[in-house]
Amino acid sequence: MAYVIGDECISCGSCEGECPVGAIHEGDGKYEIDPEKCTECGTCAGVCPVGAPKQA
């Protein structure tokens, strides 16, 4: 299942630059992951300082 970014997101953008498939973009108040592009690699979760990305 694709990753989703929870409300703990602080909009630092560290995940966006690390996503190898460009599935992450800035949303309204937090970053969002396009489930159609997400390959479930977990890179975003590994770089997030607050643990916002989680598997859905």
C-alpha atoms as a PDB file:
ATOM      1  CA  MET A   1       0.000   0.000   0.000  1.00  0.00           C
ATOM      2  CA  ALA A   2       1.216   3.495  -0.804  1.00  0.00           C
ATOM      3  CA  TYR A   3       2.614   5.776   1.863  1.00  0.00           C
ATOM      4  CA  VAL A   4       0.589   8.711   3.183  1.00  0.00           C
ATOM      5  CA  ILE A   5       1.797  11.760   5.089  1.00  0.00           C
ATOM      6  CA  GLY A   6       0.102  12.344   8.425  1.00  0.00           C
ATOM      7  CA  ASP A   7      -0.852  15.558  10.168  1.00  0.00           C
ATOM      8  CA  GLU A   8       2.446  15.623  12.065  1.00  0.00           C
ATOM      9  CA  CYS A   9       4.081  16.907   8.835  1.00  0.00           C
ATOM     10  CA  ILE A  10       5.986  20.143   9.445  1.00  0.00           C
ATOM     11  CA  SER A  11       6.342  20.957   5.715  1.00  0.00           C
ATOM     12  CA  CYS A  12      10.134  20.826   5.797  1.00  0.00           C
ATOM     13  CA  GLY A  13      10.286  19.270   2.319  1.00  0.00           C
ATOM     14  CA  SER A  14      12.988  16.718   3.113  1.00  0.00           C
ATOM     15  CA  CYS A  15      10.833  13.895   1.751  1.00  0.00           C
ATOM     16  CA  GLU A  16      10.096  15.574  -1.580  1.00  0.00           C
ATOM     17  CA  GLY A  17      13.746  15.762  -2.593  1.00  0.00           C
ATOM     18  CA  GLU A  18      14.407  12.144  -1.650  1.00  0.00           C
ATOM     19  CA  CYS A  19      11.471  10.503  -3.464  1.00  0.00           C
ATOM     20  CA  PRO A  20      12.990   8.580  -6.404  1.00  0.00           C
ATOM     21  CA  VAL A  21       9.764   8.667  -8.445  1.00  0.00           C
ATOM     22  CA  GLY A  22       8.623  12.251  -7.759  1.00  0.00           C
ATOM     23  CA  ALA A  23       5.444  11.171  -5.967  1.00  0.00           C
ATOM     24  CA  ILE A  24       5.621  13.847  -3.260  1.00  0.00           C
ATOM     25  CA  HIS A  25       4.465  17.438  -3.642  1.00  0.00           C
ATOM     26  CA  GLU A  26       3.623  20.365  -1.409  1.00  0.00           C
ATOM     27  CA  GLY A  27      -0.034  20.388  -0.448  1.00  0.00           C
ATOM     28  CA  ASP A  28      -2.261  22.619   1.641  1.00  0.00           C
ATOM     29  CA  GLY A  29      -0.499  22.788   5.004  1.00  0.00           C
ATOM     30  CA  LYS A  30       1.502  19.568   4.558  1.00  0.00           C
ATOM     31  CA  TYR A  31       3.161  17.502   1.870  1.00  0.00           C
ATOM     32  CA  GLU A  32       1.183  14.865  -0.007  1.00  0.00           C
ATOM     33  CA  ILE A  33       2.035  11.610  -1.761  1.00  0.00           C
ATOM     34  CA  ASP A  34       0.465  10.632  -5.078  1.00  0.00           C
ATOM     35  CA  PRO A  35      -0.641   7.012  -4.492  1.00  0.00           C
ATOM     36  CA  GLU A  36      -0.507   6.304  -8.242  1.00  0.00           C
ATOM     37  CA  LYS A  37       3.216   7.130  -8.348  1.00  0.00           C
ATOM     38  CA  CYS A  38       4.310   5.794  -4.930  1.00  0.00           C
ATOM     39  CA  THR A  39       6.398   2.614  -5.198  1.00  0.00           C
ATOM     40  CA  GLU A  40       6.313   1.958  -1.434  1.00  0.00           C
ATOM     41  CA  CYS A  41      10.103   2.219  -1.134  1.00  0.00           C
ATOM     42  CA  GLY A  42       9.963   3.975   2.265  1.00  0.00           C
ATOM     43  CA  THR A  43      12.643   6.531   1.469  1.00  0.00           C
ATOM     44  CA  CYS A  44      10.350   9.357   2.576  1.00  0.00           C
ATOM     45  CA  ALA A  45       9.787   7.730   5.961  1.00  0.00           C
ATOM     46  CA  GLY A  46      13.525   7.289   6.405  1.00  0.00           C
ATOM     47  CA  VAL A  47      14.344  10.977   6.002  1.00  0.00           C
ATOM     48  CA  CYS A  48      11.363  12.556   7.762  1.00  0.00           C
ATOM     49  CA  PRO A  49      12.404  14.177  11.080  1.00  0.00           C
ATOM     50  CA  VAL A  50       8.919  13.757  12.609  1.00  0.00           C
ATOM     51  CA  GLY A  51       7.879  10.373  11.176  1.00  0.00           C
ATOM     52  CA  ALA A  52       4.944  11.742   9.182  1.00  0.00           C
ATOM     53  CA  PRO A  53       5.016   9.314   6.215  1.00  0.00           C
ATOM     54  CA  LYS A  54       3.437   5.960   7.034  1.00  0.00           C
ATOM     55  CA  GLN A  55       2.131   3.061   4.992  1.00  0.00           C
ATOM     56  CA  ALA A  56      -1.594   3.378   4.393  1.00  0.00           C
END
